[in-house]
Amino acid sequence: MVVLQEIPVNHTLQRLADHLQLDAEVHDRLRLTFGHACALRVRHLLEQQPVIDCLDGLGRYLDAGAHRSSVERLAAEAAGLARRHEGSRSINGCEHAAASATCAVAQALAGKPLVAAAYAAYASVYAQGGYGAVAVADPESFQPEFVWQVGCLSALAGA
């Protein structure tokens, strides 16, 4: 699994999650929905069809088209795919964008939306091509994604 290197923390998102008590059992669906939304933001960066299938499976569950046990099965599959990801095979200089996007999917399925959000933000910034490798060291590069994440969770929670 790709290790995030000094990704800035989205403190506003963390405060919102704490305020909402996102970790509470009652918010299982909200965690999955927000993680799914974050992973969808970087779906175009995924390079492996099985990972896309896992993300789509989470979507089917959220649309009430699959059983909860399917999420657990997909979570295990996505975790294995993320661990075995060899890094991006892209030729456009995106480096770890695909690997980070894969990790975002795995974390979304695991019900860890803040970790999924961090991987998605990292993938999004890295995907900026040659600049992405430099941008990941600049906390300001993450701000557009961080703003989107806070707005998304707020809207999903009805806050």
N, C-alpha and C. Protein backbone atom coordinates (compact mmCIF):
# COMPACT_ATOMS: atom_id res chain seq x y z
N MET A 1 0.85 -1.17 0.00
CA MET A 1 0.00 0.00 0.00
C MET A 1 0.90 1.24 0.00
N VAL A 2 0.50 2.23 -0.74
CA VAL A 2 1.25 3.47 -0.81
C VAL A 2 1.20 4.15 0.54
N VAL A 3 2.34 4.67 0.97
CA VAL A 3 2.40 5.40 2.23
C VAL A 3 2.36 6.88 1.89
N LEU A 4 1.41 7.59 2.49
CA LEU A 4 1.31 9.02 2.25
C LEU A 4 2.51 9.71 2.86
N GLN A 5 3.13 10.58 2.09
CA GLN A 5 4.31 11.28 2.57
C GLN A 5 3.95 12.71 2.92
N GLU A 6 3.84 12.99 4.20
CA GLU A 6 3.62 14.35 4.67
C GLU A 6 2.41 15.02 4.06
N ILE A 7 1.33 14.28 3.84
CA ILE A 7 0.12 14.91 3.34
C ILE A 7 -0.43 15.81 4.44
N PRO A 8 -0.76 17.02 4.10
CA PRO A 8 -1.34 17.89 5.12
C PRO A 8 -2.65 17.32 5.63
N VAL A 9 -2.93 17.54 6.87
CA VAL A 9 -4.16 17.05 7.47
C VAL A 9 -5.27 18.06 7.19
N ASN A 10 -6.42 17.55 6.83
CA ASN A 10 -7.59 18.39 6.61
C ASN A 10 -8.26 18.60 7.98
N HIS A 11 -7.75 19.58 8.72
CA HIS A 11 -8.22 19.82 10.08
C HIS A 11 -9.70 20.19 10.12
N THR A 12 -10.17 20.92 9.13
CA THR A 12 -11.58 21.29 9.10
C THR A 12 -12.46 20.05 8.93
N LEU A 13 -12.03 19.14 8.07
CA LEU A 13 -12.76 17.89 7.89
C LEU A 13 -12.75 17.07 9.17
N GLN A 14 -11.61 17.01 9.83
CA GLN A 14 -11.50 16.26 11.08
C GLN A 14 -12.43 16.85 12.14
N ARG A 15 -12.46 18.18 12.26
CA ARG A 15 -13.35 18.82 13.23
C ARG A 15 -14.82 18.52 12.92
N LEU A 16 -15.18 18.57 11.63
CA LEU A 16 -16.55 18.27 11.23
C LEU A 16 -16.89 16.81 11.56
N ALA A 17 -15.99 15.90 11.25
CA ALA A 17 -16.22 14.48 11.55
C ALA A 17 -16.38 14.27 13.05
N ASP A 18 -15.57 14.95 13.84
CA ASP A 18 -15.70 14.85 15.30
C ASP A 18 -17.04 15.40 15.77
N HIS A 19 -17.43 16.54 15.22
CA HIS A 19 -18.70 17.17 15.59
C HIS A 19 -19.88 16.25 15.24
N LEU A 20 -19.80 15.62 14.10
CA LEU A 20 -20.86 14.71 13.65
C LEU A 20 -20.82 13.37 14.35
N GLN A 21 -19.74 13.11 15.09
CA GLN A 21 -19.49 11.79 15.68
C GLN A 21 -19.53 10.72 14.60
N LEU A 22 -18.78 10.99 13.53
CA LEU A 22 -18.77 10.12 12.35
C LEU A 22 -18.38 8.69 12.68
N ASP A 23 -17.58 8.50 13.72
CA ASP A 23 -17.14 7.14 14.08
C ASP A 23 -18.22 6.34 14.80
N ALA A 24 -19.32 6.98 15.19
CA ALA A 24 -20.39 6.27 15.90
C ALA A 24 -21.01 5.21 14.99
N GLU A 25 -21.40 4.10 15.60
CA GLU A 25 -21.96 2.99 14.83
C GLU A 25 -23.16 3.42 13.99
N VAL A 26 -23.93 4.34 14.50
CA VAL A 26 -25.13 4.80 13.81
C VAL A 26 -24.81 5.48 12.47
N HIS A 27 -23.57 5.89 12.28
CA HIS A 27 -23.16 6.59 11.06
C HIS A 27 -22.43 5.70 10.05
N ASP A 28 -22.63 4.41 10.15
CA ASP A 28 -21.98 3.48 9.23
C ASP A 28 -22.26 3.85 7.77
N ARG A 29 -23.51 4.09 7.45
CA ARG A 29 -23.88 4.41 6.07
C ARG A 29 -23.26 5.74 5.64
N LEU A 30 -23.24 6.73 6.52
CA LEU A 30 -22.63 8.02 6.19
C LEU A 30 -21.14 7.86 5.94
N ARG A 31 -20.46 7.04 6.75
CA ARG A 31 -19.03 6.79 6.52
C ARG A 31 -18.80 6.18 5.15
N LEU A 32 -19.61 5.18 4.81
CA LEU A 32 -19.46 4.52 3.51
C LEU A 32 -19.81 5.47 2.37
N THR A 33 -20.84 6.26 2.54
CA THR A 33 -21.26 7.19 1.49
C THR A 33 -20.21 8.25 1.24
N PHE A 34 -19.65 8.81 2.31
CA PHE A 34 -18.62 9.84 2.15
C PHE A 34 -17.33 9.23 1.57
N GLY A 35 -16.94 8.07 2.06
CA GLY A 35 -15.76 7.41 1.49
C GLY A 35 -15.94 7.12 0.01
N HIS A 36 -17.13 6.67 -0.35
CA HIS A 36 -17.46 6.39 -1.75
C HIS A 36 -17.34 7.67 -2.57
N ALA A 37 -17.89 8.76 -2.07
CA ALA A 37 -17.83 10.04 -2.79
C ALA A 37 -16.38 10.48 -3.02
N CYS A 38 -15.55 10.32 -2.01
CA CYS A 38 -14.13 10.69 -2.15
C CYS A 38 -13.43 9.81 -3.19
N ALA A 39 -13.70 8.51 -3.14
CA ALA A 39 -13.08 7.60 -4.10
C ALA A 39 -13.58 7.86 -5.52
N LEU A 40 -14.85 8.21 -5.65
CA LEU A 40 -15.38 8.53 -6.98
C LEU A 40 -14.65 9.72 -7.61
N ARG A 41 -14.19 10.65 -6.77
CA ARG A 41 -13.46 11.82 -7.27
C ARG A 41 -12.19 11.43 -8.02
N VAL A 42 -11.63 10.27 -7.68
CA VAL A 42 -10.38 9.84 -8.31
C VAL A 42 -10.56 8.55 -9.11
N ARG A 43 -11.79 8.19 -9.40
CA ARG A 43 -12.08 6.97 -10.15
C ARG A 43 -11.34 6.94 -11.48
N HIS A 44 -11.25 8.08 -12.13
CA HIS A 44 -10.59 8.17 -13.44
C HIS A 44 -9.10 7.84 -13.36
N LEU A 45 -8.54 7.81 -12.16
CA LEU A 45 -7.11 7.51 -11.99
C LEU A 45 -6.86 6.01 -11.77
N LEU A 46 -7.92 5.26 -11.53
CA LEU A 46 -7.76 3.82 -11.27
C LEU A 46 -7.33 3.11 -12.55
N GLU A 47 -6.38 2.21 -12.42
CA GLU A 47 -5.83 1.51 -13.57
C GLU A 47 -6.20 0.03 -13.62
N GLN A 48 -6.79 -0.47 -12.56
CA GLN A 48 -7.09 -1.90 -12.50
C GLN A 48 -8.60 -2.11 -12.44
N GLN A 49 -9.13 -2.87 -13.37
CA GLN A 49 -10.57 -3.12 -13.42
C GLN A 49 -11.12 -3.73 -12.13
N PRO A 50 -10.40 -4.65 -11.47
CA PRO A 50 -10.95 -5.19 -10.22
C PRO A 50 -11.17 -4.12 -9.15
N VAL A 51 -10.33 -3.09 -9.13
CA VAL A 51 -10.51 -2.00 -8.16
C VAL A 51 -11.75 -1.19 -8.53
N ILE A 52 -11.91 -0.93 -9.81
CA ILE A 52 -13.11 -0.22 -10.29
C ILE A 52 -14.35 -1.03 -9.93
N ASP A 53 -14.27 -2.33 -10.10
CA ASP A 53 -15.40 -3.19 -9.75
C ASP A 53 -15.73 -3.12 -8.26
N CYS A 54 -14.70 -3.03 -7.42
CA CYS A 54 -14.93 -2.89 -5.97
C CYS A 54 -15.64 -1.57 -5.68
N LEU A 55 -15.18 -0.50 -6.29
CA LEU A 55 -15.81 0.81 -6.09
C LEU A 55 -17.26 0.78 -6.57
N ASP A 56 -17.48 0.19 -7.71
CA ASP A 56 -18.85 0.08 -8.24
C ASP A 56 -19.72 -0.77 -7.34
N GLY A 57 -19.15 -1.79 -6.73
CA GLY A 57 -19.89 -2.64 -5.80
C GLY A 57 -20.34 -1.86 -4.57
N LEU A 58 -19.49 -0.97 -4.09
CA LEU A 58 -19.89 -0.11 -2.97
C LEU A 58 -21.04 0.79 -3.40
N GLY A 59 -20.97 1.29 -4.60
CA GLY A 59 -22.06 2.10 -5.13
C GLY A 59 -23.37 1.33 -5.19
N ARG A 60 -23.31 0.08 -5.63
CA ARG A 60 -24.52 -0.75 -5.68
C ARG A 60 -25.11 -0.96 -4.28
N TYR A 61 -24.22 -1.19 -3.32
CA TYR A 61 -24.69 -1.35 -1.94
C TYR A 61 -25.39 -0.07 -1.48
N LEU A 62 -24.79 1.06 -1.72
CA LEU A 62 -25.37 2.33 -1.29
C LEU A 62 -26.68 2.63 -2.00
N ASP A 63 -26.84 2.11 -3.21
CA ASP A 63 -28.09 2.26 -3.95
C ASP A 63 -29.10 1.17 -3.59
N ALA A 64 -28.79 0.41 -2.54
CA ALA A 64 -29.65 -0.67 -2.05
C ALA A 64 -29.76 -1.82 -3.05
N GLY A 65 -28.72 -2.00 -3.85
CA GLY A 65 -28.74 -3.08 -4.81
C GLY A 65 -27.84 -4.24 -4.43
N ALA A 66 -27.32 -4.22 -3.21
CA ALA A 66 -26.44 -5.30 -2.77
C ALA A 66 -26.60 -5.48 -1.26
N HIS A 67 -26.21 -6.63 -0.77
CA HIS A 67 -26.30 -6.96 0.66
C HIS A 67 -25.05 -6.43 1.38
N ARG A 68 -25.20 -6.14 2.67
CA ARG A 68 -24.08 -5.61 3.48
C ARG A 68 -22.88 -6.54 3.45
N SER A 69 -23.11 -7.84 3.39
CA SER A 69 -21.99 -8.78 3.36
C SER A 69 -21.13 -8.59 2.11
N SER A 70 -21.72 -8.08 1.05
CA SER A 70 -20.93 -7.82 -0.16
C SER A 70 -19.90 -6.73 0.09
N VAL A 71 -20.22 -5.77 0.94
CA VAL A 71 -19.26 -4.70 1.26
C VAL A 71 -18.06 -5.29 1.98
N GLU A 72 -18.30 -6.18 2.91
CA GLU A 72 -17.19 -6.82 3.63
C GLU A 72 -16.30 -7.62 2.69
N ARG A 73 -16.92 -8.34 1.77
CA ARG A 73 -16.15 -9.12 0.79
C ARG A 73 -15.35 -8.17 -0.11
N LEU A 74 -15.99 -7.12 -0.59
CA LEU A 74 -15.30 -6.16 -1.45
C LEU A 74 -14.19 -5.43 -0.70
N ALA A 75 -14.42 -5.15 0.58
CA ALA A 75 -13.39 -4.48 1.38
C ALA A 75 -12.13 -5.34 1.47
N ALA A 76 -12.32 -6.63 1.69
CA ALA A 76 -11.17 -7.53 1.76
C ALA A 76 -10.45 -7.60 0.41
N GLU A 77 -11.24 -7.67 -0.66
CA GLU A 77 -10.64 -7.71 -2.00
C GLU A 77 -9.87 -6.43 -2.31
N ALA A 78 -10.48 -5.29 -2.02
CA ALA A 78 -9.83 -4.00 -2.30
C ALA A 78 -8.56 -3.82 -1.46
N ALA A 79 -8.59 -4.28 -0.22
CA ALA A 79 -7.40 -4.18 0.63
C ALA A 79 -6.25 -4.99 0.02
N GLY A 80 -6.56 -6.17 -0.46
CA GLY A 80 -5.52 -7.00 -1.10
C GLY A 80 -4.99 -6.34 -2.37
N LEU A 81 -5.87 -5.78 -3.16
CA LEU A 81 -5.44 -5.10 -4.38
C LEU A 81 -4.56 -3.90 -4.06
N ALA A 82 -4.92 -3.16 -3.03
CA ALA A 82 -4.11 -2.00 -2.64
C ALA A 82 -2.73 -2.43 -2.16
N ARG A 83 -2.68 -3.51 -1.38
CA ARG A 83 -1.38 -4.00 -0.89
C ARG A 83 -0.48 -4.47 -2.02
N ARG A 84 -1.09 -5.02 -3.06
CA ARG A 84 -0.31 -5.58 -4.16
C ARG A 84 -0.07 -4.59 -5.31
N HIS A 85 -0.61 -3.39 -5.20
CA HIS A 85 -0.47 -2.43 -6.30
C HIS A 85 1.01 -2.07 -6.48
N GLU A 86 1.47 -2.16 -7.70
CA GLU A 86 2.89 -1.94 -7.99
C GLU A 86 3.22 -0.48 -8.24
N GLY A 87 2.26 0.39 -8.12
CA GLY A 87 2.48 1.80 -8.44
C GLY A 87 1.89 2.07 -9.81
N SER A 88 1.87 3.30 -10.16
CA SER A 88 1.24 3.70 -11.41
C SER A 88 2.00 3.16 -12.62
N ARG A 89 1.22 2.67 -13.59
CA ARG A 89 1.80 2.26 -14.86
C ARG A 89 1.58 3.35 -15.91
N SER A 90 1.09 4.50 -15.46
CA SER A 90 0.83 5.60 -16.38
C SER A 90 2.14 6.11 -16.98
N ILE A 91 2.03 6.62 -18.19
CA ILE A 91 3.22 7.17 -18.83
C ILE A 91 3.22 8.69 -18.79
N ASN A 92 2.29 9.27 -18.03
CA ASN A 92 2.17 10.72 -18.02
C ASN A 92 2.78 11.39 -16.80
N GLY A 93 3.58 10.68 -16.04
CA GLY A 93 4.25 11.29 -14.90
C GLY A 93 3.42 11.37 -13.64
N CYS A 94 2.29 10.69 -13.61
CA CYS A 94 1.42 10.77 -12.43
C CYS A 94 1.96 9.99 -11.23
N GLU A 95 2.94 9.20 -11.46
CA GLU A 95 3.59 8.41 -10.42
C GLU A 95 2.61 7.65 -9.55
N HIS A 96 2.37 8.08 -8.34
CA HIS A 96 1.56 7.29 -7.41
C HIS A 96 0.08 7.61 -7.43
N ALA A 97 -0.41 8.37 -8.40
CA ALA A 97 -1.82 8.74 -8.42
C ALA A 97 -2.71 7.51 -8.44
N ALA A 98 -2.42 6.54 -9.29
CA ALA A 98 -3.27 5.35 -9.38
C ALA A 98 -3.19 4.50 -8.12
N ALA A 99 -2.01 4.38 -7.58
CA ALA A 99 -1.85 3.60 -6.35
C ALA A 99 -2.59 4.26 -5.20
N SER A 100 -2.50 5.57 -5.10
CA SER A 100 -3.20 6.29 -4.03
C SER A 100 -4.71 6.22 -4.22
N ALA A 101 -5.18 6.31 -5.46
CA ALA A 101 -6.60 6.18 -5.74
C ALA A 101 -7.09 4.78 -5.35
N THR A 102 -6.28 3.77 -5.60
CA THR A 102 -6.62 2.40 -5.21
C THR A 102 -6.74 2.30 -3.70
N CYS A 103 -5.83 2.93 -2.99
CA CYS A 103 -5.90 2.93 -1.52
C CYS A 103 -7.14 3.68 -1.04
N ALA A 104 -7.54 4.73 -1.74
CA ALA A 104 -8.75 5.45 -1.38
C ALA A 104 -9.97 4.53 -1.46
N VAL A 105 -10.03 3.72 -2.50
CA VAL A 105 -11.13 2.76 -2.65
C VAL A 105 -11.11 1.76 -1.49
N ALA A 106 -9.95 1.23 -1.19
CA ALA A 106 -9.83 0.24 -0.11
C ALA A 106 -10.27 0.83 1.22
N GLN A 107 -9.87 2.05 1.51
CA GLN A 107 -10.23 2.68 2.78
C GLN A 107 -11.71 3.04 2.82
N ALA A 108 -12.27 3.44 1.69
CA ALA A 108 -13.71 3.73 1.63
C ALA A 108 -14.50 2.48 1.96
N LEU A 109 -14.12 1.36 1.37
CA LEU A 109 -14.82 0.10 1.63
C LEU A 109 -14.61 -0.40 3.06
N ALA A 110 -13.49 -0.03 3.65
CA ALA A 110 -13.20 -0.43 5.03
C ALA A 110 -13.95 0.44 6.04
N GLY A 111 -14.68 1.44 5.54
CA GLY A 111 -15.42 2.33 6.44
C GLY A 111 -14.53 3.34 7.13
N LYS A 112 -13.42 3.69 6.48
CA LYS A 112 -12.48 4.68 7.02
C LYS A 112 -12.44 5.89 6.08
N PRO A 113 -13.51 6.69 6.11
CA PRO A 113 -13.64 7.74 5.11
C PRO A 113 -12.61 8.85 5.21
N LEU A 114 -12.12 9.17 6.39
CA LEU A 114 -11.12 10.23 6.49
C LEU A 114 -9.79 9.78 5.89
N VAL A 115 -9.47 8.51 6.03
CA VAL A 115 -8.26 7.97 5.42
C VAL A 115 -8.47 7.89 3.91
N ALA A 116 -9.68 7.48 3.49
CA ALA A 116 -10.00 7.47 2.05
C ALA A 116 -9.88 8.87 1.48
N ALA A 117 -10.37 9.86 2.22
CA ALA A 117 -10.29 11.25 1.76
C ALA A 117 -8.84 11.70 1.61
N ALA A 118 -8.00 11.31 2.55
CA ALA A 118 -6.58 11.68 2.47
C ALA A 118 -5.91 11.06 1.25
N TYR A 119 -6.16 9.78 1.02
CA TYR A 119 -5.59 9.13 -0.17
C TYR A 119 -6.13 9.75 -1.45
N ALA A 120 -7.42 10.07 -1.48
CA ALA A 120 -8.01 10.68 -2.66
C ALA A 120 -7.40 12.05 -2.92
N ALA A 121 -7.20 12.83 -1.88
CA ALA A 121 -6.58 14.15 -2.04
C ALA A 121 -5.16 14.00 -2.57
N TYR A 122 -4.44 13.05 -2.02
CA TYR A 122 -3.06 12.80 -2.45
C TYR A 122 -3.04 12.39 -3.92
N ALA A 123 -3.95 11.49 -4.30
CA ALA A 123 -4.03 11.05 -5.70
C ALA A 123 -4.37 12.21 -6.62
N SER A 124 -5.29 13.03 -6.19
CA SER A 124 -5.72 14.17 -6.99
C SER A 124 -4.57 15.14 -7.24
N VAL A 125 -3.81 15.43 -6.21
CA VAL A 125 -2.68 16.35 -6.37
C VAL A 125 -1.58 15.71 -7.20
N TYR A 126 -1.29 14.44 -6.94
CA TYR A 126 -0.25 13.75 -7.70
C TYR A 126 -0.59 13.67 -9.19
N ALA A 127 -1.88 13.61 -9.48
CA ALA A 127 -2.33 13.45 -10.88
C ALA A 127 -2.12 14.69 -11.71
N GLN A 128 -1.60 15.73 -11.14
CA GLN A 128 -1.37 16.97 -11.88
C GLN A 128 -0.16 16.86 -12.81
N GLY A 129 0.24 15.64 -13.09
CA GLY A 129 1.36 15.42 -14.01
C GLY A 129 2.68 15.70 -13.33
N GLY A 130 3.63 16.19 -14.08
CA GLY A 130 4.97 16.46 -13.57
C GLY A 130 4.96 17.39 -12.37
N TYR A 131 4.01 18.33 -12.35
CA TYR A 131 3.91 19.25 -11.22
C TYR A 131 3.47 18.53 -9.96
N GLY A 132 2.70 17.44 -10.10
CA GLY A 132 2.16 16.73 -8.95
C GLY A 132 3.21 16.27 -7.97
N ALA A 133 4.35 15.84 -8.47
CA ALA A 133 5.43 15.38 -7.59
C ALA A 133 5.93 16.51 -6.70
N VAL A 134 5.92 17.72 -7.22
CA VAL A 134 6.33 18.89 -6.44
C VAL A 134 5.17 19.36 -5.57
N ALA A 135 3.97 19.31 -6.12
CA ALA A 135 2.78 19.83 -5.44
C ALA A 135 2.47 19.10 -4.14
N VAL A 136 2.77 17.82 -4.05
CA VAL A 136 2.44 17.09 -2.82
C VAL A 136 3.20 17.63 -1.62
N ALA A 137 4.27 18.35 -1.85
CA ALA A 137 5.02 18.96 -0.76
C ALA A 137 4.49 20.33 -0.38
N ASP A 138 3.53 20.84 -1.13
CA ASP A 138 2.97 22.16 -0.90
C ASP A 138 1.57 22.02 -0.31
N PRO A 139 1.38 22.35 0.97
CA PRO A 139 0.07 22.19 1.60
C PRO A 139 -1.06 22.92 0.86
N GLU A 140 -0.75 24.01 0.20
CA GLU A 140 -1.78 24.76 -0.53
C GLU A 140 -2.35 23.97 -1.69
N SER A 141 -1.59 23.02 -2.23
CA SER A 141 -2.06 22.22 -3.35
C SER A 141 -3.27 21.37 -2.99
N PHE A 142 -3.42 21.07 -1.72
CA PHE A 142 -4.51 20.21 -1.26
C PHE A 142 -5.79 20.99 -0.96
N GLN A 143 -5.70 22.29 -0.86
CA GLN A 143 -6.84 23.09 -0.41
C GLN A 143 -8.10 22.92 -1.26
N PRO A 144 -8.04 22.93 -2.59
CA PRO A 144 -9.29 22.74 -3.34
C PRO A 144 -9.99 21.42 -3.00
N GLU A 145 -9.21 20.36 -2.87
CA GLU A 145 -9.80 19.06 -2.53
C GLU A 145 -10.32 19.07 -1.10
N PHE A 146 -9.58 19.67 -0.20
CA PHE A 146 -10.01 19.74 1.20
C PHE A 146 -11.32 20.51 1.33
N VAL A 147 -11.45 21.60 0.60
CA VAL A 147 -12.69 22.38 0.63
C VAL A 147 -13.85 21.54 0.11
N TRP A 148 -13.62 20.83 -0.99
CA TRP A 148 -14.66 19.96 -1.54
C TRP A 148 -15.07 18.90 -0.51
N GLN A 149 -14.09 18.28 0.15
CA GLN A 149 -14.38 17.21 1.10
C GLN A 149 -15.26 17.71 2.25
N VAL A 150 -14.94 18.87 2.79
CA VAL A 150 -15.74 19.42 3.89
C VAL A 150 -17.16 19.72 3.41
N GLY A 151 -17.28 20.30 2.23
CA GLY A 151 -18.61 20.58 1.70
C GLY A 151 -19.40 19.32 1.43
N CYS A 152 -18.74 18.31 0.93
CA CYS A 152 -19.41 17.04 0.64
C CYS A 152 -19.91 16.38 1.91
N LEU A 153 -19.05 16.24 2.93
CA LEU A 153 -19.48 15.60 4.18
C LEU A 153 -20.58 16.42 4.83
N SER A 154 -20.45 17.71 4.81
CA SER A 154 -21.47 18.57 5.39
C SER A 154 -22.81 18.35 4.70
N ALA A 155 -22.80 18.31 3.38
CA ALA A 155 -24.04 18.11 2.62
C ALA A 155 -24.62 16.72 2.89
N LEU A 156 -23.77 15.69 2.90
CA LEU A 156 -24.27 14.33 3.13
C LEU A 156 -24.87 14.18 4.52
N ALA A 157 -24.29 14.90 5.48
CA ALA A 157 -24.78 14.81 6.85
C ALA A 157 -25.97 15.73 7.09
N GLY A 158 -26.26 16.58 6.12
CA GLY A 158 -27.35 17.54 6.30
C GLY A 158 -27.01 18.61 7.30
N ALA A 159 -25.70 18.84 7.47
CA ALA A 159 -25.24 19.83 8.46
C ALA A 159 -25.28 21.23 7.89
